[in-house]
N, C-alpha and C. Protein backbone atom coordinates (compact mmCIF):
# COMPACT_ATOMS: atom_id res chain seq x y z
N MET A 1 69.18 43.11 104.56
CA MET A 1 68.19 43.87 105.30
C MET A 1 67.05 44.22 104.34
N LYS A 2 65.83 44.05 104.79
CA LYS A 2 64.67 44.36 103.96
C LYS A 2 64.44 45.87 103.89
N ALA A 3 63.79 46.29 102.82
CA ALA A 3 63.61 47.72 102.55
C ALA A 3 62.93 48.49 103.70
N PRO A 4 61.84 48.00 104.29
CA PRO A 4 61.23 48.77 105.38
C PRO A 4 62.18 48.97 106.57
N GLN A 5 62.94 47.93 106.90
CA GLN A 5 63.90 48.03 108.01
C GLN A 5 65.03 48.99 107.65
N LEU A 6 65.49 48.94 106.41
CA LEU A 6 66.56 49.83 105.95
C LEU A 6 66.11 51.29 106.04
N TYR A 7 64.88 51.56 105.62
CA TYR A 7 64.36 52.93 105.69
C TYR A 7 64.27 53.40 107.14
N GLU A 8 63.82 52.54 108.03
CA GLU A 8 63.74 52.89 109.45
C GLU A 8 65.13 53.16 110.02
N GLU A 9 66.13 52.37 109.64
CA GLU A 9 67.51 52.59 110.09
C GLU A 9 68.04 53.94 109.60
N LEU A 10 67.71 54.30 108.35
CA LEU A 10 68.14 55.58 107.81
C LEU A 10 67.49 56.74 108.57
N LYS A 11 66.21 56.62 108.88
CA LYS A 11 65.53 57.67 109.65
C LYS A 11 66.11 57.77 111.06
N HIS A 12 66.44 56.62 111.65
CA HIS A 12 67.05 56.63 112.98
C HIS A 12 68.42 57.32 112.95
N LEU A 13 69.20 57.04 111.92
CA LEU A 13 70.50 57.70 111.76
C LEU A 13 70.32 59.21 111.60
N ALA A 14 69.33 59.62 110.83
CA ALA A 14 69.07 61.06 110.66
C ALA A 14 68.79 61.70 112.02
N GLU A 15 68.02 61.03 112.86
CA GLU A 15 67.73 61.55 114.19
C GLU A 15 69.01 61.70 115.01
N LYS A 16 69.90 60.72 114.91
CA LYS A 16 71.19 60.81 115.63
C LYS A 16 71.99 62.01 115.17
N LEU A 17 71.81 62.40 113.90
CA LEU A 17 72.54 63.54 113.32
C LEU A 17 71.76 64.84 113.48
N ASP A 18 70.70 64.79 114.28
CA ASP A 18 69.87 65.96 114.58
C ASP A 18 69.15 66.50 113.35
N ILE A 19 68.68 65.57 112.52
CA ILE A 19 67.88 65.91 111.35
C ILE A 19 66.52 65.25 111.53
N THR A 20 65.48 66.05 111.47
CA THR A 20 64.12 65.53 111.59
C THR A 20 63.63 65.10 110.22
N VAL A 21 63.18 63.87 110.10
CA VAL A 21 62.61 63.39 108.84
C VAL A 21 61.10 63.49 108.97
N ALA A 22 60.49 64.26 108.08
CA ALA A 22 59.04 64.45 108.10
C ALA A 22 58.48 64.09 106.73
N GLU A 23 57.45 63.27 106.73
CA GLU A 23 56.81 62.88 105.48
C GLU A 23 55.52 63.67 105.31
N HIS A 24 55.37 64.26 104.13
CA HIS A 24 54.19 65.06 103.81
C HIS A 24 53.77 64.76 102.38
N SER A 25 52.49 64.92 102.11
CA SER A 25 51.99 64.77 100.75
C SER A 25 52.17 66.10 100.03
N PHE A 26 52.83 66.07 98.88
CA PHE A 26 53.07 67.28 98.10
C PHE A 26 51.97 67.49 97.05
N LYS A 27 51.05 66.54 96.91
CA LYS A 27 50.03 66.64 95.88
C LYS A 27 49.13 67.86 96.06
N ALA A 28 48.80 68.18 97.30
CA ALA A 28 47.86 69.27 97.57
C ALA A 28 48.52 70.65 97.57
N THR A 29 49.83 70.73 97.39
CA THR A 29 50.51 72.03 97.47
C THR A 29 50.27 72.90 96.25
N GLY A 30 50.00 72.29 95.12
CA GLY A 30 49.79 73.06 93.90
C GLY A 30 51.08 73.55 93.28
N THR A 31 52.21 73.18 93.85
CA THR A 31 53.52 73.55 93.30
C THR A 31 54.35 72.29 93.09
N ARG A 32 55.43 72.43 92.36
CA ARG A 32 56.33 71.30 92.15
C ARG A 32 57.32 71.24 93.31
N ALA A 33 56.94 70.61 94.37
CA ALA A 33 57.83 70.46 95.53
C ALA A 33 58.62 69.17 95.37
N ARG A 34 59.84 69.17 95.93
CA ARG A 34 60.71 68.00 95.87
C ARG A 34 61.12 67.62 97.28
N SER A 35 61.33 66.33 97.48
CA SER A 35 61.87 65.87 98.75
C SER A 35 63.29 66.36 98.89
N GLY A 36 63.70 66.67 100.13
CA GLY A 36 65.08 67.09 100.32
C GLY A 36 65.34 67.70 101.68
N LEU A 37 66.56 68.09 101.86
CA LEU A 37 67.06 68.65 103.11
C LEU A 37 66.86 70.16 103.11
N CYS A 38 66.39 70.69 104.24
CA CYS A 38 66.27 72.14 104.35
C CYS A 38 66.52 72.55 105.80
N LYS A 39 66.82 73.82 105.96
CA LYS A 39 67.08 74.36 107.29
C LYS A 39 66.04 75.43 107.58
N VAL A 40 65.33 75.25 108.70
CA VAL A 40 64.29 76.19 109.11
C VAL A 40 64.62 76.64 110.52
N HIS A 41 64.87 77.95 110.69
CA HIS A 41 65.18 78.52 112.01
C HIS A 41 66.26 77.70 112.74
N GLU A 42 67.39 77.52 112.05
CA GLU A 42 68.57 76.85 112.62
C GLU A 42 68.35 75.37 112.92
N ARG A 43 67.32 74.76 112.39
CA ARG A 43 67.04 73.34 112.61
C ARG A 43 66.97 72.64 111.25
N TRP A 44 67.61 71.46 111.12
CA TRP A 44 67.63 70.72 109.87
C TRP A 44 66.45 69.77 109.79
N TYR A 45 65.83 69.72 108.59
CA TYR A 45 64.71 68.83 108.31
C TYR A 45 64.95 68.16 106.96
N PHE A 46 64.57 66.90 106.88
CA PHE A 46 64.52 66.24 105.58
C PHE A 46 63.04 66.02 105.32
N ILE A 47 62.50 66.76 104.36
CA ILE A 47 61.08 66.67 104.04
C ILE A 47 60.93 65.64 102.91
N MET A 48 60.16 64.59 103.19
CA MET A 48 60.00 63.48 102.26
C MET A 48 58.57 63.45 101.73
N ASP A 49 58.43 63.33 100.42
CA ASP A 49 57.11 63.16 99.82
C ASP A 49 56.62 61.76 100.18
N LYS A 50 55.56 61.69 100.97
CA LYS A 50 55.10 60.38 101.45
C LYS A 50 54.50 59.53 100.35
N ASN A 51 54.26 60.11 99.18
CA ASN A 51 53.69 59.35 98.06
C ASN A 51 54.75 58.66 97.20
N ARG A 52 56.01 58.84 97.52
CA ARG A 52 57.08 58.17 96.77
C ARG A 52 57.14 56.69 97.14
N ARG A 53 57.66 55.90 96.23
CA ARG A 53 57.88 54.47 96.52
C ARG A 53 58.96 54.35 97.58
N LEU A 54 58.91 53.27 98.33
CA LEU A 54 59.88 53.04 99.40
C LEU A 54 61.31 53.04 98.87
N SER A 55 61.54 52.45 97.72
CA SER A 55 62.89 52.43 97.15
C SER A 55 63.39 53.84 96.85
N GLU A 56 62.50 54.73 96.42
CA GLU A 56 62.88 56.12 96.16
C GLU A 56 63.18 56.86 97.46
N LYS A 57 62.39 56.59 98.49
CA LYS A 57 62.64 57.21 99.80
C LYS A 57 64.01 56.81 100.32
N ILE A 58 64.35 55.53 100.17
CA ILE A 58 65.66 55.04 100.62
C ILE A 58 66.77 55.73 99.84
N ASP A 59 66.61 55.84 98.53
CA ASP A 59 67.62 56.51 97.70
C ASP A 59 67.82 57.96 98.11
N LEU A 60 66.73 58.70 98.26
CA LEU A 60 66.81 60.12 98.60
C LEU A 60 67.47 60.33 99.96
N LEU A 61 67.02 59.59 100.96
CA LEU A 61 67.55 59.78 102.30
C LEU A 61 69.00 59.30 102.40
N SER A 62 69.33 58.21 101.73
CA SER A 62 70.72 57.72 101.78
C SER A 62 71.67 58.65 101.04
N GLU A 63 71.22 59.29 99.96
CA GLU A 63 72.06 60.28 99.28
C GLU A 63 72.37 61.45 100.21
N CYS A 64 71.36 61.91 100.91
CA CYS A 64 71.54 63.02 101.84
C CYS A 64 72.49 62.63 102.96
N LEU A 65 72.21 61.52 103.63
CA LEU A 65 73.02 61.10 104.77
C LEU A 65 74.43 60.69 104.35
N GLY A 66 74.57 60.20 103.13
CA GLY A 66 75.88 59.81 102.62
C GLY A 66 76.81 60.99 102.44
N SER A 67 76.25 62.19 102.38
CA SER A 67 77.06 63.39 102.21
C SER A 67 77.54 63.96 103.54
N LEU A 68 77.13 63.35 104.64
CA LEU A 68 77.44 63.87 105.97
C LEU A 68 78.51 63.05 106.67
N ASP A 69 79.14 63.64 107.66
CA ASP A 69 80.13 62.94 108.47
C ASP A 69 79.39 62.10 109.52
N THR A 70 79.45 60.80 109.38
CA THR A 70 78.77 59.89 110.31
C THR A 70 79.75 59.11 111.16
N GLU A 71 81.01 59.48 111.15
CA GLU A 71 82.03 58.74 111.89
C GLU A 71 81.83 58.76 113.40
N ALA A 72 81.19 59.81 113.92
CA ALA A 72 81.03 59.95 115.38
C ALA A 72 79.84 59.17 115.93
N VAL A 73 79.03 58.58 115.07
CA VAL A 73 77.86 57.83 115.53
C VAL A 73 77.92 56.40 115.01
N PHE A 74 77.28 55.50 115.76
CA PHE A 74 77.22 54.11 115.30
C PHE A 74 76.25 54.02 114.13
N VAL A 75 76.70 53.36 113.07
CA VAL A 75 75.87 53.12 111.90
C VAL A 75 75.91 51.62 111.61
N VAL A 76 74.75 51.03 111.44
CA VAL A 76 74.66 49.61 111.11
C VAL A 76 75.50 49.36 109.85
N PRO A 77 76.31 48.30 109.82
CA PRO A 77 77.19 48.07 108.67
C PRO A 77 76.51 48.10 107.30
N THR A 78 75.33 47.54 107.18
CA THR A 78 74.61 47.56 105.90
C THR A 78 74.29 48.99 105.49
N VAL A 79 73.91 49.81 106.45
CA VAL A 79 73.58 51.21 106.18
C VAL A 79 74.85 51.98 105.83
N ARG A 80 75.94 51.75 106.57
CA ARG A 80 77.19 52.44 106.28
C ARG A 80 77.66 52.14 104.85
N GLU A 81 77.53 50.90 104.44
CA GLU A 81 77.93 50.52 103.08
C GLU A 81 77.08 51.27 102.05
N LEU A 82 75.79 51.36 102.29
CA LEU A 82 74.91 52.10 101.38
C LEU A 82 75.29 53.58 101.33
N LEU A 83 75.57 54.16 102.49
CA LEU A 83 75.93 55.58 102.54
C LEU A 83 77.23 55.86 101.79
N GLN A 84 78.17 54.95 101.88
CA GLN A 84 79.44 55.14 101.18
C GLN A 84 79.22 55.13 99.67
N LYS A 85 78.27 54.34 99.21
CA LYS A 85 77.96 54.30 97.78
C LYS A 85 77.26 55.58 97.33
N LYS A 86 76.45 56.16 98.20
CA LYS A 86 75.64 57.32 97.85
C LYS A 86 76.29 58.65 98.18
N GLY A 87 77.41 58.65 98.90
CA GLY A 87 78.04 59.89 99.40
C GLY A 87 78.31 60.93 98.35
N ALA A 88 78.14 62.20 98.76
CA ALA A 88 78.42 63.35 97.91
C ALA A 88 78.73 64.53 98.82
N ALA A 89 79.13 65.65 98.27
CA ALA A 89 79.50 66.83 99.08
C ALA A 89 78.28 67.64 99.47
N GLY A 90 78.37 68.29 100.63
CA GLY A 90 77.35 69.24 101.05
C GLY A 90 76.48 68.73 102.18
N GLY A 91 75.67 69.63 102.78
CA GLY A 91 74.73 69.25 103.82
C GLY A 91 74.78 70.14 105.02
N PRO A 92 74.31 69.64 106.20
CA PRO A 92 74.17 70.45 107.40
C PRO A 92 75.45 71.00 108.01
N ASP A 93 76.59 70.73 107.43
CA ASP A 93 77.82 71.28 107.97
C ASP A 93 78.02 72.73 107.54
N GLY A 94 77.04 73.29 106.86
CA GLY A 94 77.15 74.69 106.45
C GLY A 94 77.19 74.86 104.95
N THR A 95 77.59 73.83 104.23
CA THR A 95 77.56 73.92 102.78
C THR A 95 76.19 73.50 102.30
N GLU A 96 75.78 74.01 101.15
CA GLU A 96 74.47 73.68 100.65
C GLU A 96 74.60 72.89 99.36
N THR A 97 73.70 71.92 99.19
CA THR A 97 73.68 71.11 97.99
C THR A 97 72.46 71.48 97.18
N GLU A 98 72.27 70.82 96.08
CA GLU A 98 71.12 71.06 95.24
C GLU A 98 69.82 70.83 96.00
N ARG A 99 69.83 69.93 96.98
CA ARG A 99 68.62 69.62 97.72
C ARG A 99 68.56 70.32 99.08
N ALA A 100 69.59 71.05 99.45
CA ALA A 100 69.58 71.73 100.75
C ALA A 100 69.22 73.20 100.54
N VAL A 101 68.18 73.63 101.22
CA VAL A 101 67.70 74.99 101.08
C VAL A 101 67.57 75.61 102.46
N LYS A 102 68.06 76.80 102.63
CA LYS A 102 67.96 77.49 103.92
C LYS A 102 66.76 78.41 103.90
N ILE A 103 65.88 78.23 104.89
CA ILE A 103 64.69 79.06 105.01
C ILE A 103 64.79 79.80 106.34
N SER A 104 64.70 81.11 106.30
CA SER A 104 64.81 81.90 107.54
C SER A 104 63.48 82.05 108.22
């Protein structure tokens, strides 16, 4: 699977898991912002720096999604294999990871 299609599949999977993927430019913020998962008013978002290379976007999003339970949804085999390689603990199930931040 080519990188653009893989990234689209990862974003589609995030939507199935009720995570909104939003791309924003962090250059104008004046702070050191990082791409990652956050919770705003009981809703999960993955905020992606749109200036990152496509390969970095795939790595960041697959690391996040790899930490979640995806057994209840259909995942394209190529994507599932990638997620299994990237899996780690934490995420929208209530636990927080280094990249998950809760904002009230």
